[in-house]
Amino acid sequence: MRYAAAVVLAAALGAGCAHDEDKPVKTASDAKGADLPAAKPPARAPSTLPPIAEAPQTRDDEAIYFDFDSSLVRDDARPVLQQVGDELRHRSTEKVKVEGNCDEVGTIEYNLALGEARARAAKEYLVHLGVPPNRIAIASFGSQRPKYPGHDDESHAKNRRDDLVRR
């Protein structure tokens, strides 16, 4: 009788539970460096969350910029990535961390996903140039680490970036 009760209890507990591994999960990494869906996030007031940390002290020539709501590597970013890629190939112990950032438009979740897609696009470009993938880390800070604190179009454009941080 105890065995039957245990089987019934186990079946009852398991029957109502959906297992996450049974469902495909869509992430920003599924975008493979392509633009995210064309739907624009709603404009919203600046986030009330404090910035995660101070923006990194990168050289301005080691940041690449993106168009609004895009993770495509722009033509003006290619020479920067080429230079970083050349240096990484010649310095076999050096690594780089690509940190994806966004402007303050959109939700926190959306901006984190977009920042990840931007960082992944830069990483894929560097790998295409011959840099081993294990020497390139990525991170997304979304809109939580603005390098330019303004709430105008110029500041937004400067915050839509990847910082290439040498390690």
C-alpha atoms as a PDB file:
ATOM      1  CA  MET A   1       0.000   0.000   0.000  1.00  0.00           C
ATOM      2  CA  ARG A   2       2.846   2.401   0.806  1.00  0.00           C
ATOM      3  CA  TYR A   3       4.381   1.728  -2.614  1.00  0.00           C
ATOM      4  CA  ALA A   4       1.102   2.503  -4.372  1.00  0.00           C
ATOM      5  CA  ALA A   5       0.689   5.724  -2.383  1.00  0.00           C
ATOM      6  CA  ALA A   6       4.225   6.793  -3.271  1.00  0.00           C
ATOM      7  CA  VAL A   7       3.602   6.119  -6.976  1.00  0.00           C
ATOM      8  CA  VAL A   8       0.337   8.087  -6.902  1.00  0.00           C
ATOM      9  CA  LEU A   9       2.022  10.966  -5.053  1.00  0.00           C
ATOM     10  CA  ALA A  10       4.960  11.050  -7.483  1.00  0.00           C
ATOM     11  CA  ALA A  11       2.603  10.987 -10.466  1.00  0.00           C
ATOM     12  CA  ALA A  12       0.515  13.802  -9.007  1.00  0.00           C
ATOM     13  CA  LEU A  13       3.531  15.970  -8.331  1.00  0.00           C
ATOM     14  CA  GLY A  14       5.070  15.388 -11.742  1.00  0.00           C
ATOM     15  CA  ALA A  15       1.875  15.665 -13.769  1.00  0.00           C
ATOM     16  CA  GLY A  16       1.315  19.351 -13.178  1.00  0.00           C
ATOM     17  CA  CYS A  17       4.910  20.427 -13.725  1.00  0.00           C
ATOM     18  CA  ALA A  18       6.172  21.557 -17.067  1.00  0.00           C
ATOM     19  CA  HIS A  19       9.842  20.909 -17.487  1.00  0.00           C
ATOM     20  CA  ASP A  20      11.859  23.823 -18.819  1.00  0.00           C
ATOM     21  CA  GLU A  21      14.158  21.523 -20.743  1.00  0.00           C
ATOM     22  CA  ASP A  22      11.157  20.371 -22.820  1.00  0.00           C
ATOM     23  CA  LYS A  23      10.650  23.881 -24.185  1.00  0.00           C
ATOM     24  CA  PRO A  24      13.022  25.597 -26.604  1.00  0.00           C
ATOM     25  CA  VAL A  25      14.441  28.773 -25.138  1.00  0.00           C
ATOM     26  CA  LYS A  26      14.973  31.822 -27.327  1.00  0.00           C
ATOM     27  CA  THR A  27      17.871  34.042 -26.331  1.00  0.00           C
ATOM     28  CA  ALA A  28      19.686  36.978 -27.840  1.00  0.00           C
ATOM     29  CA  SER A  29      22.411  34.565 -28.889  1.00  0.00           C
ATOM     30  CA  ASP A  30      19.924  33.004 -31.333  1.00  0.00           C
ATOM     31  CA  ALA A  31      20.219  36.218 -33.345  1.00  0.00           C
ATOM     32  CA  LYS A  32      23.786  35.234 -34.390  1.00  0.00           C
ATOM     33  CA  GLY A  33      24.770  38.857 -34.819  1.00  0.00           C
ATOM     34  CA  ALA A  34      21.777  39.698 -36.982  1.00  0.00           C
ATOM     35  CA  ASP A  35      19.367  42.484 -36.231  1.00  0.00           C
ATOM     36  CA  LEU A  36      16.862  41.781 -33.533  1.00  0.00           C
ATOM     37  CA  PRO A  37      13.180  41.830 -34.528  1.00  0.00           C
ATOM     38  CA  ALA A  38      12.089  45.069 -36.137  1.00  0.00           C
ATOM     39  CA  ALA A  39       9.585  45.854 -33.387  1.00  0.00           C
ATOM     40  CA  LYS A  40      10.738  48.952 -31.570  1.00  0.00           C
ATOM     41  CA  PRO A  41      10.713  48.914 -27.787  1.00  0.00           C
ATOM     42  CA  PRO A  42       8.475  51.565 -26.287  1.00  0.00           C
ATOM     43  CA  ALA A  43      10.204  54.768 -25.305  1.00  0.00           C
ATOM     44  CA  ARG A  44      10.410  55.115 -21.574  1.00  0.00           C
ATOM     45  CA  ALA A  45      11.863  57.395 -19.001  1.00  0.00           C
ATOM     46  CA  PRO A  46      15.466  56.807 -17.937  1.00  0.00           C
ATOM     47  CA  SER A  47      15.894  53.748 -15.757  1.00  0.00           C
ATOM     48  CA  THR A  48      15.554  54.322 -12.047  1.00  0.00           C
ATOM     49  CA  LEU A  49      18.078  51.599 -11.328  1.00  0.00           C
ATOM     50  CA  PRO A  50      21.543  52.824 -10.438  1.00  0.00           C
ATOM     51  CA  PRO A  51      24.322  52.062 -12.907  1.00  0.00           C
ATOM     52  CA  ILE A  52      25.975  48.678 -12.312  1.00  0.00           C
ATOM     53  CA  ALA A  53      29.454  50.105 -12.207  1.00  0.00           C
ATOM     54  CA  GLU A  54      31.612  52.801 -13.633  1.00  0.00           C
ATOM     55  CA  ALA A  55      31.984  52.475 -17.398  1.00  0.00           C
ATOM     56  CA  PRO A  56      35.348  50.968 -18.308  1.00  0.00           C
ATOM     57  CA  GLN A  57      38.276  53.207 -19.110  1.00  0.00           C
ATOM     58  CA  THR A  58      38.754  52.097 -22.691  1.00  0.00           C
ATOM     59  CA  ARG A  59      40.502  53.976 -25.404  1.00  0.00           C
ATOM     60  CA  ASP A  60      37.986  55.705 -27.639  1.00  0.00           C
ATOM     61  CA  ASP A  61      39.577  53.914 -30.576  1.00  0.00           C
ATOM     62  CA  GLU A  62      38.665  50.565 -28.986  1.00  0.00           C
ATOM     63  CA  ALA A  63      34.937  51.088 -28.879  1.00  0.00           C
ATOM     64  CA  ILE A  64      32.613  50.364 -31.759  1.00  0.00           C
ATOM     65  CA  TYR A  65      29.197  51.893 -32.243  1.00  0.00           C
ATOM     66  CA  PHE A  66      25.858  50.576 -33.454  1.00  0.00           C
ATOM     67  CA  ASP A  67      22.761  51.993 -35.059  1.00  0.00           C
ATOM     68  CA  PHE A  68      19.543  52.264 -33.065  1.00  0.00           C
ATOM     69  CA  ASP A  69      17.966  48.867 -32.337  1.00  0.00           C
ATOM     70  CA  SER A  70      20.679  47.039 -34.295  1.00  0.00           C
ATOM     71  CA  SER A  71      23.448  44.550 -33.625  1.00  0.00           C
ATOM     72  CA  LEU A  72      24.943  44.656 -37.110  1.00  0.00           C
ATOM     73  CA  VAL A  73      28.625  45.602 -37.201  1.00  0.00           C
ATOM     74  CA  ARG A  74      28.797  48.932 -39.016  1.00  0.00           C
ATOM     75  CA  ASP A  75      31.368  49.739 -41.694  1.00  0.00           C
ATOM     76  CA  ASP A  76      33.071  52.286 -39.431  1.00  0.00           C
ATOM     77  CA  ALA A  77      33.621  49.556 -36.793  1.00  0.00           C
ATOM     78  CA  ARG A  78      35.461  47.185 -39.123  1.00  0.00           C
ATOM     79  CA  PRO A  79      38.864  48.977 -39.009  1.00  0.00           C
ATOM     80  CA  VAL A  80      38.740  49.045 -35.193  1.00  0.00           C
ATOM     81  CA  LEU A  81      37.964  45.330 -35.054  1.00  0.00           C
ATOM     82  CA  GLN A  82      40.649  44.646 -37.670  1.00  0.00           C
ATOM     83  CA  GLN A  83      43.269  46.449 -35.565  1.00  0.00           C
ATOM     84  CA  VAL A  84      42.251  44.659 -32.363  1.00  0.00           C
ATOM     85  CA  GLY A  85      42.157  41.333 -34.212  1.00  0.00           C
ATOM     86  CA  ASP A  86      45.646  41.874 -35.649  1.00  0.00           C
ATOM     87  CA  GLU A  87      47.049  42.710 -32.224  1.00  0.00           C
ATOM     88  CA  LEU A  88      45.382  39.718 -30.579  1.00  0.00           C
ATOM     89  CA  ARG A  89      46.715  37.344 -33.232  1.00  0.00           C
ATOM     90  CA  HIS A  90      50.256  38.665 -32.680  1.00  0.00           C
ATOM     91  CA  ARG A  91      50.063  38.654 -28.872  1.00  0.00           C
ATOM     92  CA  SER A  92      49.131  35.079 -28.116  1.00  0.00           C
ATOM     93  CA  THR A  93      48.521  35.570 -24.398  1.00  0.00           C
ATOM     94  CA  GLU A  94      46.344  38.680 -24.617  1.00  0.00           C
ATOM     95  CA  LYS A  95      42.578  38.412 -24.304  1.00  0.00           C
ATOM     96  CA  VAL A  96      39.729  40.834 -24.842  1.00  0.00           C
ATOM     97  CA  LYS A  97      36.314  41.235 -23.270  1.00  0.00           C
ATOM     98  CA  VAL A  98      33.607  42.663 -25.515  1.00  0.00           C
ATOM     99  CA  GLU A  99      31.081  44.549 -23.390  1.00  0.00           C
ATOM    100  CA  GLY A 100      27.765  45.288 -25.101  1.00  0.00           C
ATOM    101  CA  ASN A 101      25.957  48.478 -24.147  1.00  0.00           C
ATOM    102  CA  CYS A 102      22.755  50.261 -25.128  1.00  0.00           C
ATOM    103  CA  ASP A 103      21.109  53.620 -24.772  1.00  0.00           C
ATOM    104  CA  GLU A 104      18.365  54.112 -22.205  1.00  0.00           C
ATOM    105  CA  VAL A 105      15.483  53.558 -24.644  1.00  0.00           C
ATOM    106  CA  GLY A 106      13.638  50.279 -24.082  1.00  0.00           C
ATOM    107  CA  THR A 107      13.187  47.906 -21.193  1.00  0.00           C
ATOM    108  CA  ILE A 108      16.038  46.608 -19.093  1.00  0.00           C
ATOM    109  CA  GLU A 109      15.492  43.068 -20.403  1.00  0.00           C
ATOM    110  CA  TYR A 110      15.383  44.167 -24.027  1.00  0.00           C
ATOM    111  CA  ASN A 111      18.565  46.219 -23.657  1.00  0.00           C
ATOM    112  CA  LEU A 112      20.418  43.343 -21.971  1.00  0.00           C
ATOM    113  CA  ALA A 113      19.478  41.071 -24.888  1.00  0.00           C
ATOM    114  CA  LEU A 114      20.475  43.714 -27.438  1.00  0.00           C
ATOM    115  CA  GLY A 115      23.781  44.330 -25.638  1.00  0.00           C
ATOM    116  CA  GLU A 116      24.489  40.594 -25.754  1.00  0.00           C
ATOM    117  CA  ALA A 117      23.677  40.447 -29.466  1.00  0.00           C
ATOM    118  CA  ARG A 118      26.043  43.371 -30.088  1.00  0.00           C
ATOM    119  CA  ALA A 119      28.874  41.772 -28.093  1.00  0.00           C
ATOM    120  CA  ARG A 120      28.324  38.443 -29.849  1.00  0.00           C
ATOM    121  CA  ALA A 121      28.422  40.145 -33.280  1.00  0.00           C
ATOM    122  CA  ALA A 122      31.801  41.733 -32.483  1.00  0.00           C
ATOM    123  CA  LYS A 123      33.123  38.432 -31.159  1.00  0.00           C
ATOM    124  CA  GLU A 124      32.034  36.606 -34.312  1.00  0.00           C
ATOM    125  CA  TYR A 125      33.751  39.262 -36.412  1.00  0.00           C
ATOM    126  CA  LEU A 126      37.008  38.846 -34.455  1.00  0.00           C
ATOM    127  CA  VAL A 127      36.785  35.048 -34.772  1.00  0.00           C
ATOM    128  CA  HIS A 128      36.294  35.490 -38.527  1.00  0.00           C
ATOM    129  CA  LEU A 129      39.550  37.483 -38.516  1.00  0.00           C
ATOM    130  CA  GLY A 130      41.369  34.527 -36.947  1.00  0.00           C
ATOM    131  CA  VAL A 131      41.250  35.262 -33.212  1.00  0.00           C
ATOM    132  CA  PRO A 132      40.611  32.058 -31.230  1.00  0.00           C
ATOM    133  CA  PRO A 133      37.144  32.235 -29.621  1.00  0.00           C
ATOM    134  CA  ASN A 134      38.475  31.166 -26.216  1.00  0.00           C
ATOM    135  CA  ARG A 135      40.401  34.475 -26.028  1.00  0.00           C
ATOM    136  CA  ILE A 136      37.258  36.588 -26.427  1.00  0.00           C
ATOM    137  CA  ALA A 137      34.784  36.947 -23.573  1.00  0.00           C
ATOM    138  CA  ILE A 138      31.473  38.762 -23.906  1.00  0.00           C
ATOM    139  CA  ALA A 139      29.204  40.550 -21.462  1.00  0.00           C
ATOM    140  CA  SER A 140      26.117  42.685 -21.709  1.00  0.00           C
ATOM    141  CA  PHE A 141      25.402  45.645 -19.495  1.00  0.00           C
ATOM    142  CA  GLY A 142      22.368  46.837 -21.444  1.00  0.00           C
ATOM    143  CA  SER A 143      21.703  50.448 -20.491  1.00  0.00           C
ATOM    144  CA  GLN A 144      23.125  50.132 -16.983  1.00  0.00           C
ATOM    145  CA  ARG A 145      26.600  51.562 -17.707  1.00  0.00           C
ATOM    146  CA  PRO A 146      26.161  54.704 -19.768  1.00  0.00           C
ATOM    147  CA  LYS A 147      29.450  56.259 -20.801  1.00  0.00           C
ATOM    148  CA  TYR A 148      27.670  59.490 -21.699  1.00  0.00           C
ATOM    149  CA  PRO A 149      25.033  60.547 -19.128  1.00  0.00           C
ATOM    150  CA  GLY A 150      22.881  62.825 -21.312  1.00  0.00           C
ATOM    151  CA  HIS A 151      19.334  62.034 -22.371  1.00  0.00           C
ATOM    152  CA  ASP A 152      19.685  63.444 -25.897  1.00  0.00           C
ATOM    153  CA  ASP A 153      20.245  61.810 -29.293  1.00  0.00           C
ATOM    154  CA  GLU A 154      23.998  62.452 -29.249  1.00  0.00           C
ATOM    155  CA  SER A 155      24.457  60.753 -25.858  1.00  0.00           C
ATOM    156  CA  HIS A 156      22.218  57.877 -26.914  1.00  0.00           C
ATOM    157  CA  ALA A 157      24.304  57.337 -30.058  1.00  0.00           C
ATOM    158  CA  LYS A 158      27.520  57.222 -28.005  1.00  0.00           C
ATOM    159  CA  ASN A 159      26.023  54.724 -25.554  1.00  0.00           C
ATOM    160  CA  ARG A 160      25.051  52.247 -28.313  1.00  0.00           C
ATOM    161  CA  ARG A 161      28.468  50.613 -28.285  1.00  0.00           C
ATOM    162  CA  ASP A 162      30.729  47.680 -27.565  1.00  0.00           C
ATOM    163  CA  ASP A 163      33.737  48.407 -25.388  1.00  0.00           C
ATOM    164  CA  LEU A 164      36.761  46.244 -26.215  1.00  0.00           C
ATOM    165  CA  VAL A 165      38.540  45.785 -22.888  1.00  0.00           C
ATOM    166  CA  ARG A 166      42.001  44.195 -22.988  1.00  0.00           C
ATOM    167  CA  ARG A 167      42.771  41.608 -20.317  1.00  0.00           C
END
